PDB file of N, CA and C in Angstrom:
ATOM      1  N   MET A   1      -2.176 -24.465  -4.875  1.00  0.00           N
ATOM      2  CA  MET A   1      -2.114 -23.028  -5.039  1.00  0.00           C
ATOM      3  C   MET A   1      -1.418 -22.933  -6.716  1.00  0.00           C
ATOM      4  N   PRO A   2      -2.223 -22.795  -7.658  1.00  0.00           N
ATOM      5  CA  PRO A   2      -1.807 -22.333  -8.924  1.00  0.00           C
ATOM      6  C   PRO A   2      -0.290 -21.714  -8.927  1.00  0.00           C
ATOM      7  N   SER A   3       0.506 -22.113  -9.629  1.00  0.00           N
ATOM      8  CA  SER A   3       1.648 -21.309  -9.719  1.00  0.00           C
ATOM      9  C   SER A   3       1.636 -19.677  -9.932  1.00  0.00           C
ATOM     10  N   GLY A   4       0.611 -19.458 -11.072  1.00  0.00           N
ATOM     11  CA  GLY A   4       0.543 -18.297 -11.333  1.00  0.00           C
ATOM     12  C   GLY A   4      -0.010 -17.273 -10.244  1.00  0.00           C
ATOM     13  N   VAL A   5      -1.111 -17.381  -9.259  1.00  0.00           N
ATOM     14  CA  VAL A   5      -1.196 -17.116  -8.280  1.00  0.00           C
ATOM     15  C   VAL A   5      -0.128 -17.057  -7.311  1.00  0.00           C
ATOM     16  N   GLN A   6       0.486 -18.055  -7.037  1.00  0.00           N
ATOM     17  CA  GLN A   6       1.718 -18.153  -6.018  1.00  0.00           C
ATOM     18  C   GLN A   6       2.794 -17.045  -6.564  1.00  0.00           C
ATOM     19  N   LYS A   7       2.818 -17.030  -7.604  1.00  0.00           N
ATOM     20  CA  LYS A   7       4.057 -16.070  -8.120  1.00  0.00           C
ATOM     21  C   LYS A   7       3.577 -14.477  -8.138  1.00  0.00           C
ATOM     22  N   ARG A   8       2.198 -14.306  -8.148  1.00  0.00           N
ATOM     23  CA  ARG A   8       1.584 -12.990  -7.919  1.00  0.00           C
ATOM     24  C   ARG A   8       1.896 -12.579  -6.651  1.00  0.00           C
ATOM     25  N   ILE A   9       1.377 -13.274  -5.592  1.00  0.00           N
ATOM     26  CA  ILE A   9       1.479 -12.912  -4.311  1.00  0.00           C
ATOM     27  C   ILE A   9       3.098 -12.934  -4.017  1.00  0.00           C
ATOM     28  N   ILE A  10       3.782 -13.513  -4.415  1.00  0.00           N
ATOM     29  CA  ILE A  10       5.135 -13.293  -4.238  1.00  0.00           C
ATOM     30  C   ILE A  10       5.909 -12.194  -4.539  1.00  0.00           C
ATOM     31  N   LEU A  11       5.348 -11.611  -5.756  1.00  0.00           N
ATOM     32  CA  LEU A  11       5.644 -10.436  -6.335  1.00  0.00           C
ATOM     33  C   LEU A  11       5.226  -9.248  -5.416  1.00  0.00           C
ATOM     34  N   PHE A  12       4.006  -9.342  -4.954  1.00  0.00           N
ATOM     35  CA  PHE A  12       3.246  -8.320  -4.207  1.00  0.00           C
ATOM     36  C   PHE A  12       4.050  -8.047  -2.964  1.00  0.00           C
ATOM     37  N   TYR A  13       4.485  -9.347  -2.288  1.00  0.00           N
ATOM     38  CA  TYR A  13       5.354  -9.093  -1.123  1.00  0.00           C
ATOM     39  C   TYR A  13       6.634  -8.587  -1.404  1.00  0.00           C
ATOM     40  N   LEU A  14       7.384  -8.853  -2.424  1.00  0.00           N
ATOM     41  CA  LEU A  14       8.758  -8.408  -2.847  1.00  0.00           C
ATOM     42  C   LEU A  14       8.438  -6.737  -3.145  1.00  0.00           C
ATOM     43  N   GLY A  15       7.393  -6.374  -3.831  1.00  0.00           N
ATOM     44  CA  GLY A  15       7.254  -5.056  -3.923  1.00  0.00           C
ATOM     45  C   GLY A  15       6.773  -4.243  -2.768  1.00  0.00           C
ATOM     46  N   GLY A  16       6.136  -4.798  -1.681  1.00  0.00           N
ATOM     47  CA  GLY A  16       5.950  -4.171  -0.383  1.00  0.00           C
ATOM     48  C   GLY A  16       7.156  -4.272   0.256  1.00  0.00           C
ATOM     49  N   VAL A  17       8.250  -5.181   0.382  1.00  0.00           N
ATOM     50  CA  VAL A  17       9.249  -4.977   0.949  1.00  0.00           C
ATOM     51  C   VAL A  17      10.051  -4.004   0.293  1.00  0.00           C
ATOM     52  N   ILE A  18      10.326  -3.838  -1.029  1.00  0.00           N
ATOM     53  CA  ILE A  18      11.042  -2.884  -1.418  1.00  0.00           C
ATOM     54  C   ILE A  18      10.435  -1.371  -1.477  1.00  0.00           C
ATOM     55  N   ASN A  19       9.199  -1.305  -1.441  1.00  0.00           N
ATOM     56  CA  ASN A  19       8.519   0.122  -0.886  1.00  0.00           C
ATOM     57  C   ASN A  19       9.014   0.363   0.292  1.00  0.00           C
ATOM     58  N   ALA A  20       8.836  -0.615   1.352  1.00  0.00           N
ATOM     59  CA  ALA A  20       9.046  -0.154   2.568  1.00  0.00           C
ATOM     60  C   ALA A  20      10.578   0.373   2.796  1.00  0.00           C
ATOM     61  N   PHE A  21      11.445  -0.507   2.043  1.00  0.00           N
ATOM     62  CA  PHE A  21      12.854  -0.191   2.228  1.00  0.00           C
ATOM     63  C   PHE A  21      13.177   1.240   1.831  1.00  0.00           C
ATOM     64  N   LEU A  22      12.505   1.378   0.730  1.00  0.00           N
ATOM     65  CA  LEU A  22      12.808   2.754   0.112  1.00  0.00           C
ATOM     66  C   LEU A  22      12.430   3.836   0.912  1.00  0.00           C
ATOM     67  N   GLY A  23      11.043   3.650   1.661  1.00  0.00           N
ATOM     68  CA  GLY A  23      10.672   4.601   2.633  1.00  0.00           C
ATOM     69  C   GLY A  23      11.570   4.776   3.600  1.00  0.00           C
ATOM     70  N   ALA A  24      12.047   4.028   4.157  1.00  0.00           N
ATOM     71  CA  ALA A  24      12.631   3.854   5.350  1.00  0.00           C
ATOM     72  C   ALA A  24      14.097   4.457   5.011  1.00  0.00           C
ATOM     73  N   TYR A  25      14.675   4.432   3.504  1.00  0.00           N
ATOM     74  CA  TYR A  25      15.701   4.989   3.339  1.00  0.00           C
ATOM     75  C   TYR A  25      15.563   6.548   3.380  1.00  0.00           C
ATOM     76  N   VAL A  26      14.572   6.956   2.532  1.00  0.00           N
ATOM     77  CA  VAL A  26      14.316   8.507   2.169  1.00  0.00           C
ATOM     78  C   VAL A  26      14.016   8.824   3.821  1.00  0.00           C
ATOM     79  N   LEU A  27      13.524   8.108   4.850  1.00  0.00           N
ATOM     80  CA  LEU A  27      13.540   8.666   5.871  1.00  0.00           C
ATOM     81  C   LEU A  27      14.634   9.008   6.683  1.00  0.00           C
ATOM     82  N   VAL A  28      15.811   8.064   6.609  1.00  0.00           N
ATOM     83  CA  VAL A  28      16.741   8.438   7.268  1.00  0.00           C
ATOM     84  C   VAL A  28      17.784   9.150   6.692  1.00  0.00           C
ATOM     85  N   GLU A  29      18.030   8.933   5.280  1.00  0.00           N
ATOM     86  CA  GLU A  29      18.884   9.616   4.184  1.00  0.00           C
ATOM     87  C   GLU A  29      18.462  10.930   3.685  1.00  0.00           C
ATOM     88  N   GLY A  30      16.907  10.775   3.371  1.00  0.00           N
ATOM     89  CA  GLY A  30      16.658  11.792   2.256  1.00  0.00           C
ATOM     90  C   GLY A  30      16.700  13.092   2.785  1.00  0.00           C
ATOM     91  N   VAL A  31      16.432  13.626   4.110  1.00  0.00           N
ATOM     92  CA  VAL A  31      16.518  14.843   4.244  1.00  0.00           C
ATOM     93  C   VAL A  31      18.173  15.595   4.459  1.00  0.00           C
ATOM     94  N   THR A  32      19.124  14.795   3.755  1.00  0.00           N
ATOM     95  CA  THR A  32      20.149  15.620   3.676  1.00  0.00           C
ATOM     96  C   THR A  32      20.339  15.834   2.140  1.00  0.00           C
ATOM     97  N   PHE A  33      19.551  15.226   1.265  1.00  0.00           N
ATOM     98  CA  PHE A  33      19.796  15.772  -0.066  1.00  0.00           C
ATOM     99  C   PHE A  33      18.495  16.289  -0.835  1.00  0.00           C
ATOM    100  N   LEU A  34      17.334  16.042   0.013  1.00  0.00           N
ATOM    101  CA  LEU A  34      15.880  16.808  -0.424  1.00  0.00           C
ATOM    102  C   LEU A  34      15.409  17.594   0.627  1.00  0.00           C
ATOM    103  N   GLU A  35      14.640  18.486  -0.093  1.00  0.00           N
ATOM    104  CA  GLU A  35      13.888  19.354   0.836  1.00  0.00           C
ATOM    105  C   GLU A  35      12.899  18.530   1.960  1.00  0.00           C
ATOM    106  N   ARG A  36      12.690  19.082   2.913  1.00  0.00           N
ATOM    107  CA  ARG A  36      11.949  18.074   4.118  1.00  0.00           C
ATOM    108  C   ARG A  36      10.590  17.872   3.491  1.00  0.00           C
ATOM    109  N   GLY A  37       9.830  18.814   2.691  1.00  0.00           N
ATOM    110  CA  GLY A  37       8.483  18.665   2.110  1.00  0.00           C
ATOM    111  C   GLY A  37       8.562  17.592   1.153  1.00  0.00           C
ATOM    112  N   THR A  38       9.302  17.548   0.114  1.00  0.00           N
ATOM    113  CA  THR A  38       9.408  16.637  -0.684  1.00  0.00           C
ATOM    114  C   THR A  38       9.972  15.148  -0.021  1.00  0.00           C
ATOM    115  N   ALA A  39      10.642  15.111   0.798  1.00  0.00           N
ATOM    116  CA  ALA A  39      11.191  13.935   1.622  1.00  0.00           C
ATOM    117  C   ALA A  39       9.786  13.340   2.387  1.00  0.00           C
ATOM    118  N   THR A  40       9.234  13.943   2.708  1.00  0.00           N
ATOM    119  CA  THR A  40       8.019  13.736   3.710  1.00  0.00           C
ATOM    120  C   THR A  40       7.106  13.058   2.639  1.00  0.00           C
ATOM    121  N   TRP A  41       6.690  13.875   1.401  1.00  0.00           N
ATOM    122  CA  TRP A  41       5.820  13.130   0.463  1.00  0.00           C
ATOM    123  C   TRP A  41       6.274  11.866  -0.306  1.00  0.00           C
ATOM    124  N   LEU A  42       7.678  11.691  -0.283  1.00  0.00           N
ATOM    125  CA  LEU A  42       8.469  10.575  -0.838  1.00  0.00           C
ATOM    126  C   LEU A  42       7.883   9.177   0.294  1.00  0.00           C
ATOM    127  N   ILE A  43       8.317   9.685   1.476  1.00  0.00           N
ATOM    128  CA  ILE A  43       7.931   8.810   2.515  1.00  0.00           C
ATOM    129  C   ILE A  43       6.545   8.298   2.355  1.00  0.00           C
ATOM    130  N   VAL A  44       5.885   9.380   2.489  1.00  0.00           N
ATOM    131  CA  VAL A  44       4.016   8.714   2.790  1.00  0.00           C
ATOM    132  C   VAL A  44       3.876   7.924   1.250  1.00  0.00           C
ATOM    133  N   PHE A  45       4.575   8.500   0.222  1.00  0.00           N
ATOM    134  CA  PHE A  45       4.294   7.658  -1.023  1.00  0.00           C
ATOM    135  C   PHE A  45       4.625   6.103  -0.867  1.00  0.00           C
ATOM    136  N   PHE A  46       6.073   5.810  -0.696  1.00  0.00           N
ATOM    137  CA  PHE A  46       6.475   4.843  -0.496  1.00  0.00           C
ATOM    138  C   PHE A  46       5.944   3.945   0.640  1.00  0.00           C
ATOM    139  N   CYS A  47       5.469   4.141   1.763  1.00  0.00           N
ATOM    140  CA  CYS A  47       4.807   3.484   2.508  1.00  0.00           C
ATOM    141  C   CYS A  47       3.392   3.063   2.290  1.00  0.00           C
ATOM    142  N   ALA A  48       2.665   4.062   1.570  1.00  0.00           N
ATOM    143  CA  ALA A  48       1.258   3.801   1.345  1.00  0.00           C
ATOM    144  C   ALA A  48       1.328   2.645   0.104  1.00  0.00           C
ATOM    145  N   PHE A  49       2.301   2.866  -0.726  1.00  0.00           N
ATOM    146  CA  PHE A  49       2.298   1.481  -1.633  1.00  0.00           C
ATOM    147  C   PHE A  49       2.796   0.335  -0.835  1.00  0.00           C
ATOM    148  N   ALA A  50       3.535   0.392  -0.071  1.00  0.00           N
ATOM    149  CA  ALA A  50       4.078  -0.676   0.776  1.00  0.00           C
ATOM    150  C   ALA A  50       2.663  -1.607   1.369  1.00  0.00           C
ATOM    151  N   VAL A  51       1.709  -0.476   2.017  1.00  0.00           N
ATOM    152  CA  VAL A  51       0.744  -1.036   2.362  1.00  0.00           C
ATOM    153  C   VAL A  51       0.014  -1.813   1.581  1.00  0.00           C
ATOM    154  N   VAL A  52      -0.303  -1.067   0.485  1.00  0.00           N
ATOM    155  CA  VAL A  52      -0.949  -1.404  -0.876  1.00  0.00           C
ATOM    156  C   VAL A  52      -0.555  -2.883  -1.197  1.00  0.00           C
ATOM    157  N   ASP A  53       0.473  -2.973  -1.318  1.00  0.00           N
ATOM    158  CA  ASP A  53       1.445  -4.399  -1.624  1.00  0.00           C
ATOM    159  C   ASP A  53       1.119  -5.475  -0.973  1.00  0.00           C
ATOM    160  N   PHE A  54       1.142  -5.100   0.331  1.00  0.00           N
ATOM    161  CA  PHE A  54       0.753  -5.904   1.527  1.00  0.00           C
ATOM    162  C   PHE A  54      -0.878  -6.602   1.472  1.00  0.00           C
ATOM    163  N   TRP A  55      -1.430  -5.439   1.330  1.00  0.00           N
ATOM    164  CA  TRP A  55      -2.760  -5.999   1.467  1.00  0.00           C
ATOM    165  C   TRP A  55      -3.282  -6.745   0.108  1.00  0.00           C
ATOM    166  N   PHE A  56      -2.635  -6.512  -1.097  1.00  0.00           N
ATOM    167  CA  PHE A  56      -3.099  -7.062  -2.450  1.00  0.00           C
ATOM    168  C   PHE A  56      -2.828  -8.505  -2.199  1.00  0.00           C
ATOM    169  N   ALA A  57      -1.656  -8.637  -1.588  1.00  0.00           N
ATOM    170  CA  ALA A  57      -0.896 -10.177  -1.474  1.00  0.00           C
ATOM    171  C   ALA A  57      -1.847 -11.061  -0.467  1.00  0.00           C
ATOM    172  N   HIS A  58      -2.309 -10.270   0.599  1.00  0.00           N
ATOM    173  CA  HIS A  58      -3.241 -10.863   1.300  1.00  0.00           C
ATOM    174  C   HIS A  58      -4.795 -11.344   0.893  1.00  0.00           C
ATOM    175  N   ALA A  59      -5.248 -10.304  -0.010  1.00  0.00           N
ATOM    176  CA  ALA A  59      -6.519 -10.302  -0.529  1.00  0.00           C
ATOM    177  C   ALA A  59      -6.226 -11.667  -1.501  1.00  0.00           C
ATOM    178  N   LEU A  60      -5.455 -11.727  -2.212  1.00  0.00           N
ATOM    179  CA  LEU A  60      -5.322 -12.762  -3.291  1.00  0.00           C
ATOM    180  C   LEU A  60      -5.503 -14.164  -2.654  1.00  0.00           C
ATOM    181  N   LYS A  61      -4.464 -14.265  -1.529  1.00  0.00           N
ATOM    182  CA  LYS A  61      -4.431 -15.578  -0.862  1.00  0.00           C
ATOM    183  C   LYS A  61      -5.821 -15.789  -0.165  1.00  0.00           C
ATOM    184  N   LYS A  62      -6.307 -14.718   0.580  1.00  0.00           N
ATOM    185  CA  LYS A  62      -7.754 -15.128   1.152  1.00  0.00           C
ATOM    186  C   LYS A  62      -8.689 -15.514  -0.030  1.00  0.00           C
ATOM    187  N   ARG A  63      -8.665 -14.740  -1.263  1.00  0.00           N
ATOM    188  CA  ARG A  63      -9.589 -15.182  -2.158  1.00  0.00           C
ATOM    189  C   ARG A  63      -9.234 -16.365  -2.818  1.00  0.00           C
ATOM    190  N   TRP A  64      -8.336 -16.805  -2.717  1.00  0.00           N
ATOM    191  CA  TRP A  64      -8.027 -18.267  -3.364  1.00  0.00           C
ATOM    192  C   TRP A  64      -8.337 -19.245  -2.462  1.00  0.00           C
ATOM    193  N   HIS A  65      -8.002 -18.721  -0.992  1.00  0.00           N
ATOM    194  CA  HIS A  65      -8.684 -20.069   0.064  1.00  0.00           C
ATOM    195  C   HIS A  65      -9.947 -20.144  -0.061  1.00  0.00           C
ATOM    196  N   GLU A  66     -10.885 -18.960  -0.141  1.00  0.00           N
ATOM    197  CA  GLU A  66     -12.352 -19.242  -0.312  1.00  0.00           C
ATOM    198  C   GLU A  66     -12.894 -19.838  -1.517  1.00  0.00           C
ATOM    199  N   GLU A  67     -12.348 -19.578  -2.569  1.00  0.00           N
ATOM    200  CA  GLU A  67     -12.448 -20.408  -3.498  1.00  0.00           C
ATOM    201  C   GLU A  67     -12.414 -22.058  -3.563  1.00  0.00           C
ATOM    202  N   ALA A  68     -11.326 -22.101  -3.039  1.00  0.00           N
ATOM    203  CA  ALA A  68     -10.796 -23.632  -3.096  1.00  0.00           C
ATOM    204  C   ALA A  68     -11.967 -24.229  -2.114  1.00  0.00           C
ATOM    205  N   ALA A  69     -12.226 -23.445  -0.620  1.00  0.00           N
ATOM    206  CA  ALA A  69     -13.338 -23.782  -0.025  1.00  0.00           C
ATOM    207  C   ALA A  69     -14.665 -23.864  -0.579  1.00  0.00           C
ATOM    208  N   ARG A  70     -15.080 -23.040  -1.223  1.00  0.00           N
ATOM    209  CA  ARG A  70     -16.173 -22.989  -2.149  1.00  0.00           C
ATOM    210  C   ARG A  70     -16.277 -24.456  -3.055  1.00  0.00           C
ATOM    211  N   GLN A  71     -15.232 -24.782  -3.758  1.00  0.00           N
ATOM    212  CA  GLN A  71     -15.159 -25.720  -4.803  1.00  0.00           C
ATOM    213  C   GLN A  71     -15.164 -26.850  -4.020  1.00  0.00           C
ATOM    214  N   ALA A  72     -14.481 -27.252  -2.881  1.00  0.00           N
ATOM    215  CA  ALA A  72     -14.291 -28.377  -2.112  1.00  0.00           C
ATOM    216  C   ALA A  72     -15.975 -28.796  -1.387  1.00  0.00           C
ATOM    217  N   ALA A  73     -16.668 -27.540  -1.053  1.00  0.00           N
ATOM    218  CA  ALA A  73     -18.038 -27.764  -0.735  1.00  0.00           C
ATOM    219  C   ALA A  73     -18.876 -28.060  -1.715  1.00  0.00           C
ATOM    220  N   ALA A  74     -18.782 -27.671  -2.645  1.00  0.00           N
ATOM    221  CA  ALA A  74     -19.585 -27.790  -4.046  1.00  0.00           C
ATOM    222  C   ALA A  74     -19.119 -29.522  -4.159  1.00  0.00           C
ATOM    223  N   GLY A  75     -17.949 -30.090  -4.307  1.00  0.00           N
ATOM    224  CA  GLY A  75     -17.471 -31.311  -4.574  1.00  0.00           C
ATOM    225  C   GLY A  75     -18.110 -32.001  -3.511  1.00  0.00           C
ATOM    226  N   ALA A  76     -17.916 -31.948  -2.551  1.00  0.00           N
ATOM    227  CA  ALA A  76     -18.710 -32.807  -1.253  1.00  0.00           C
ATOM    228  C   ALA A  76     -20.338 -33.134  -1.493  1.00  0.00           C
ATOM    229  N   GLU A  77     -20.829 -32.011  -1.855  1.00  0.00           N
ATOM    230  CA  GLU A  77     -22.436 -32.361  -2.055  1.00  0.00           C
ATOM    231  C   GLU A  77     -22.704 -32.850  -3.255  1.00  0.00           C
ATOM    232  N   LYS A  78     -21.716 -32.949  -3.965  1.00  0.00           N
ATOM    233  CA  LYS A  78     -22.282 -33.822  -5.277  1.00  0.00           C
ATOM    234  C   LYS A  78     -22.139 -35.356  -5.011  1.00  0.00           C
ATOM    235  N   GLN A  79     -21.014 -35.691  -4.099  1.00  0.00           N
ATOM    236  CA  GLN A  79     -20.729 -37.187  -3.901  1.00  0.00           C
ATOM    237  C   GLN A  79     -21.632 -37.702  -2.950  1.00  0.00           C
ATOM    238  N   PRO A  80     -22.485 -38.765  -3.024  1.00  0.00           N
ATOM    239  CA  PRO A  80     -23.399 -39.225  -2.055  1.00  0.00           C
ATOM    240  C   PRO A  80     -22.870 -39.677  -0.938  1.00  0.00           C
TER     241      PRO A  80
END
């Protein structure tokens, strides 16, 4: 896997973990200093972006593996 793709996948996973942590923090401590509606929207926001970050990392990894398999199959067809 090229280092650029691998770095991007790692950064998406890191972003997902950070967003999940922030969502959990607002869930536990947010109601003490925020209104309930504001805390709820922040939790939804952080958790939604955590899901998107994990999905993007998975999609990048899947697309790279599919492309590598396609190139390997094309290379195998060219060789006698």
